[in-house]
C-alpha cells in the first residue's frame, strides 16, 4: 500500500473534521470544530494528513513550542487512522514521517496526550519509545 503525507493547508482544514469526530465520538459539533480549527491554524499549529489514493484516512495535529523541560518540542494531537487501515504498520510509518518532519524543522522532542481508555494507543506509544512523564488534567471554566 502506498500512502502520502502532507501538511493540510489552512484553507482546507475542515477536511479533518470527520476524522476528529470519529476520534471523539461526536462529542463536539461540526460547527464548533470548524470555529476551533479555524482559530488553531492561526496559532503554532499544523495538521498532517495521511492519504491513500487522495482520500484522507489519517490525521495528526502538531503544536510547536519551546518548553523549559524539553526544549523545542512538538505536541502531537488528535492522532487518528481510519479503522480499516489499522494493524498494518501504517501508524509506525506515519510517525516516522512526523519524526523526520519535525526534526528537519529543528525540534528536539515530541510529546503527546492520549485518552486513558485508549489502551491500543498506549501500547503503540510505548513501542515507539514514549515514556509517561505526568498526567494531563482538564477543568472547564
C-alpha atoms as a PDB file:
ATOM      1  CA  UNK A   1       0.000   0.000   0.000  1.00  0.00           C
ATOM      2  CA  UNK A   2       1.284   3.408  -0.918  1.00  0.00           C
ATOM      3  CA  UNK A   3       0.483   6.457   1.172  1.00  0.00           C
ATOM      4  CA  UNK A   4       1.284  10.137   1.013  1.00  0.00           C
ATOM      5  CA  UNK A   5       1.752  12.519   3.898  1.00  0.00           C
ATOM      6  CA  UNK A   6       1.273  16.238   3.618  1.00  0.00           C
ATOM      7  CA  UNK A   7       0.511  19.271   5.711  1.00  0.00           C
ATOM      8  CA  UNK A   8      -3.114  20.233   5.227  1.00  0.00           C
ATOM      9  CA  UNK A   9      -3.388  23.830   4.048  1.00  0.00           C
ATOM     10  CA  UNK A  10      -5.165  26.273   6.351  1.00  0.00           C
ATOM     11  CA  UNK A  11      -7.946  26.831   3.844  1.00  0.00           C
ATOM     12  CA  UNK A  12      -8.627  23.072   3.737  1.00  0.00           C
ATOM     13  CA  UNK A  13      -8.501  22.380   7.482  1.00  0.00           C
ATOM     14  CA  UNK A  14     -12.201  21.436   7.590  1.00  0.00           C
ATOM     15  CA  UNK A  15     -11.221  18.189   5.824  1.00  0.00           C
ATOM     16  CA  UNK A  16     -10.082  16.808   9.190  1.00  0.00           C
ATOM     17  CA  UNK A  17     -13.421  17.262  10.960  1.00  0.00           C
ATOM     18  CA  UNK A  18     -14.981  13.877  10.034  1.00  0.00           C
ATOM     19  CA  UNK A  19     -11.936  12.027  11.391  1.00  0.00           C
ATOM     20  CA  UNK A  20     -11.804  14.178  14.537  1.00  0.00           C
ATOM     21  CA  UNK A  21     -15.485  13.371  15.054  1.00  0.00           C
ATOM     22  CA  UNK A  22     -14.697   9.641  14.915  1.00  0.00           C
ATOM     23  CA  UNK A  23     -11.837  10.067  17.374  1.00  0.00           C
ATOM     24  CA  UNK A  24     -14.003  11.966  19.861  1.00  0.00           C
ATOM     25  CA  UNK A  25     -17.247  10.032  19.336  1.00  0.00           C
ATOM     26  CA  UNK A  26     -19.036  13.151  18.028  1.00  0.00           C
ATOM     27  CA  UNK A  27     -18.747  14.911  21.399  1.00  0.00           C
ATOM     28  CA  UNK A  28     -18.294  18.331  19.782  1.00  0.00           C
ATOM     29  CA  UNK A  29     -20.484  19.612  16.947  1.00  0.00           C
ATOM     30  CA  UNK A  30     -19.111  20.161  13.463  1.00  0.00           C
ATOM     31  CA  UNK A  31     -19.888  23.867  13.785  1.00  0.00           C
ATOM     32  CA  UNK A  32     -17.818  24.210  16.961  1.00  0.00           C
ATOM     33  CA  UNK A  33     -14.961  22.194  15.455  1.00  0.00           C
ATOM     34  CA  UNK A  34     -14.927  24.447  12.381  1.00  0.00           C
ATOM     35  CA  UNK A  35     -14.586  27.502  14.617  1.00  0.00           C
ATOM     36  CA  UNK A  36     -11.882  25.906  16.755  1.00  0.00           C
ATOM     37  CA  UNK A  37      -9.822  24.635  13.827  1.00  0.00           C
ATOM     38  CA  UNK A  38     -10.048  27.985  12.040  1.00  0.00           C
ATOM     39  CA  UNK A  39      -8.536  29.546  15.170  1.00  0.00           C
ATOM     40  CA  UNK A  40      -5.977  26.777  15.687  1.00  0.00           C
ATOM     41  CA  UNK A  41      -4.439  27.269  12.226  1.00  0.00           C
ATOM     42  CA  UNK A  42      -3.614  30.873  13.179  1.00  0.00           C
ATOM     43  CA  UNK A  43      -1.521  29.643  16.103  1.00  0.00           C
ATOM     44  CA  UNK A  44       1.598  27.439  16.173  1.00  0.00           C
ATOM     45  CA  UNK A  45      -0.392  24.532  14.764  1.00  0.00           C
ATOM     46  CA  UNK A  46      -0.163  22.343  11.681  1.00  0.00           C
ATOM     47  CA  UNK A  47      -2.071  19.222  10.721  1.00  0.00           C
ATOM     48  CA  UNK A  48      -0.564  16.309   8.818  1.00  0.00           C
ATOM     49  CA  UNK A  49      -2.851  14.310   6.580  1.00  0.00           C
ATOM     50  CA  UNK A  50      -2.297  10.672   5.709  1.00  0.00           C
ATOM     51  CA  UNK A  51      -3.720   9.977   2.264  1.00  0.00           C
ATOM     52  CA  UNK A  52      -4.446   6.780   0.361  1.00  0.00           C
ATOM     53  CA  UNK A  53      -5.236   7.496  -3.284  1.00  0.00           C
ATOM     54  CA  UNK A  54      -6.127  11.140  -2.498  1.00  0.00           C
ATOM     55  CA  UNK A  55      -8.538  10.049   0.275  1.00  0.00           C
ATOM     56  CA  UNK A  56      -7.786  11.356   3.771  1.00  0.00           C
ATOM     57  CA  UNK A  57      -7.518   8.307   6.036  1.00  0.00           C
ATOM     58  CA  UNK A  58      -5.445   9.680   8.916  1.00  0.00           C
ATOM     59  CA  UNK A  59      -4.596  12.895  10.706  1.00  0.00           C
ATOM     60  CA  UNK A  60      -2.213  14.187  13.307  1.00  0.00           C
ATOM     61  CA  UNK A  61      -2.120  17.696  14.741  1.00  0.00           C
ATOM     62  CA  UNK A  62       1.240  19.267  15.586  1.00  0.00           C
ATOM     63  CA  UNK A  63       1.620  22.072  18.145  1.00  0.00           C
ATOM     64  CA  UNK A  64       5.049  23.724  18.008  1.00  0.00           C
ATOM     65  CA  UNK A  65       6.524  25.381  21.117  1.00  0.00           C
ATOM     66  CA  UNK A  66       9.507  25.659  23.422  1.00  0.00           C
ATOM     67  CA  UNK A  67       9.178  24.214  26.921  1.00  0.00           C
ATOM     68  CA  UNK A  68      11.518  24.625  29.850  1.00  0.00           C
ATOM     69  CA  UNK A  69      11.797  20.856  30.459  1.00  0.00           C
ATOM     70  CA  UNK A  70      12.054  19.560  26.877  1.00  0.00           C
ATOM     71  CA  UNK A  71      13.334  22.426  24.741  1.00  0.00           C
ATOM     72  CA  UNK A  72      11.923  22.913  21.254  1.00  0.00           C
ATOM     73  CA  UNK A  73       9.115  20.408  21.214  1.00  0.00           C
ATOM     74  CA  UNK A  74       6.093  19.342  19.223  1.00  0.00           C
ATOM     75  CA  UNK A  75       2.928  18.166  20.883  1.00  0.00           C
ATOM     76  CA  UNK A  76       1.203  15.542  18.776  1.00  0.00           C
ATOM     77  CA  UNK A  77      -2.568  15.934  18.986  1.00  0.00           C
ATOM     78  CA  UNK A  78      -5.707  14.133  17.760  1.00  0.00           C
ATOM     79  CA  UNK A  79      -3.913  11.246  16.081  1.00  0.00           C
ATOM     80  CA  UNK A  80      -6.395   9.148  14.133  1.00  0.00           C
ATOM     81  CA  UNK A  81      -6.142   6.493  11.426  1.00  0.00           C
ATOM     82  CA  UNK A  82      -9.288   5.063   9.863  1.00  0.00           C
ATOM     83  CA  UNK A  83     -10.152   1.689  11.403  1.00  0.00           C
ATOM     84  CA  UNK A  84      -9.898  -0.108   8.044  1.00  0.00           C
ATOM     85  CA  UNK A  85      -6.198   0.731   7.818  1.00  0.00           C
ATOM     86  CA  UNK A  86      -5.083  -0.145  11.343  1.00  0.00           C
ATOM     87  CA  UNK A  87      -2.900  -3.113  12.189  1.00  0.00           C
ATOM     88  CA  UNK A  88      -0.740  -2.928   9.049  1.00  0.00           C
ATOM     89  CA  UNK A  89       2.176  -0.828  10.346  1.00  0.00           C
ATOM     90  CA  UNK A  90       0.766   2.387   8.891  1.00  0.00           C
ATOM     91  CA  UNK A  91       0.884   4.171  12.265  1.00  0.00           C
ATOM     92  CA  UNK A  92       4.591   3.415  12.538  1.00  0.00           C
ATOM     93  CA  UNK A  93       5.174   4.771   9.021  1.00  0.00           C
ATOM     94  CA  UNK A  94       3.085   7.853   9.837  1.00  0.00           C
ATOM     95  CA  UNK A  95       5.153   8.567  12.946  1.00  0.00           C
ATOM     96  CA  UNK A  96       8.424   8.033  11.074  1.00  0.00           C
ATOM     97  CA  UNK A  97       7.309  10.759   8.670  1.00  0.00           C
ATOM     98  CA  UNK A  98       6.368  13.005  11.622  1.00  0.00           C
ATOM     99  CA  UNK A  99       9.719  12.392  13.381  1.00  0.00           C
ATOM    100  CA  UNK A 100      11.634  13.351  10.237  1.00  0.00           C
ATOM    101  CA  UNK A 101       9.418  16.365   9.525  1.00  0.00           C
ATOM    102  CA  UNK A 102       9.740  17.914  12.984  1.00  0.00           C
ATOM    103  CA  UNK A 103      13.442  17.084  13.275  1.00  0.00           C
ATOM    104  CA  UNK A 104      14.076  18.858   9.962  1.00  0.00           C
ATOM    105  CA  UNK A 105      12.248  21.889  11.378  1.00  0.00           C
ATOM    106  CA  UNK A 106      14.761  21.949  14.257  1.00  0.00           C
ATOM    107  CA  UNK A 107      12.667  20.416  17.028  1.00  0.00           C
ATOM    108  CA  UNK A 108      14.166  18.015  19.548  1.00  0.00           C
ATOM    109  CA  UNK A 109      11.273  16.387  21.407  1.00  0.00           C
ATOM    110  CA  UNK A 110       7.773  15.076  20.796  1.00  0.00           C
ATOM    111  CA  UNK A 111       5.065  14.978  23.446  1.00  0.00           C
ATOM    112  CA  UNK A 112       1.500  13.760  23.431  1.00  0.00           C
ATOM    113  CA  UNK A 113      -1.588  13.078  25.467  1.00  0.00           C
ATOM    114  CA  UNK A 114      -3.753  10.036  24.957  1.00  0.00           C
ATOM    115  CA  UNK A 115      -7.094   9.125  26.442  1.00  0.00           C
ATOM    116  CA  UNK A 116      -6.842   6.866  29.497  1.00  0.00           C
ATOM    117  CA  UNK A 117      -9.293   4.434  27.899  1.00  0.00           C
ATOM    118  CA  UNK A 118      -7.342   4.179  24.613  1.00  0.00           C
ATOM    119  CA  UNK A 119      -5.259   1.124  25.544  1.00  0.00           C
ATOM    120  CA  UNK A 120      -4.254   0.369  21.955  1.00  0.00           C
ATOM    121  CA  UNK A 121      -2.601   3.763  21.662  1.00  0.00           C
ATOM    122  CA  UNK A 122      -0.704   3.237  24.937  1.00  0.00           C
ATOM    123  CA  UNK A 123       0.890   0.082  23.586  1.00  0.00           C
ATOM    124  CA  UNK A 124       1.734   1.817  20.311  1.00  0.00           C
ATOM    125  CA  UNK A 125       3.371   4.808  22.039  1.00  0.00           C
ATOM    126  CA  UNK A 126       5.360   2.616  24.435  1.00  0.00           C
ATOM    127  CA  UNK A 127       6.611   0.637  21.427  1.00  0.00           C
ATOM    128  CA  UNK A 128       7.619   3.947  19.802  1.00  0.00           C
ATOM    129  CA  UNK A 129       9.772   4.803  22.836  1.00  0.00           C
ATOM    130  CA  UNK A 130       7.486   7.322  24.563  1.00  0.00           C
ATOM    131  CA  UNK A 131       7.629   7.470  28.373  1.00  0.00           C
ATOM    132  CA  UNK A 132       4.935   8.654  30.766  1.00  0.00           C
ATOM    133  CA  UNK A 133       6.062  11.979  32.204  1.00  0.00           C
ATOM    134  CA  UNK A 134       2.932  13.072  34.047  1.00  0.00           C
ATOM    135  CA  UNK A 135      -0.834  13.371  33.982  1.00  0.00           C
ATOM    136  CA  UNK A 136      -2.936  15.666  31.854  1.00  0.00           C
ATOM    137  CA  UNK A 137      -5.683  17.456  33.764  1.00  0.00           C
ATOM    138  CA  UNK A 138      -8.579  19.464  32.359  1.00  0.00           C
ATOM    139  CA  UNK A 139     -11.031  21.790  34.073  1.00  0.00           C
ATOM    140  CA  UNK A 140     -13.670  23.621  32.054  1.00  0.00           C
ATOM    141  CA  UNK A 141     -14.266  27.163  33.314  1.00  0.00           C
END
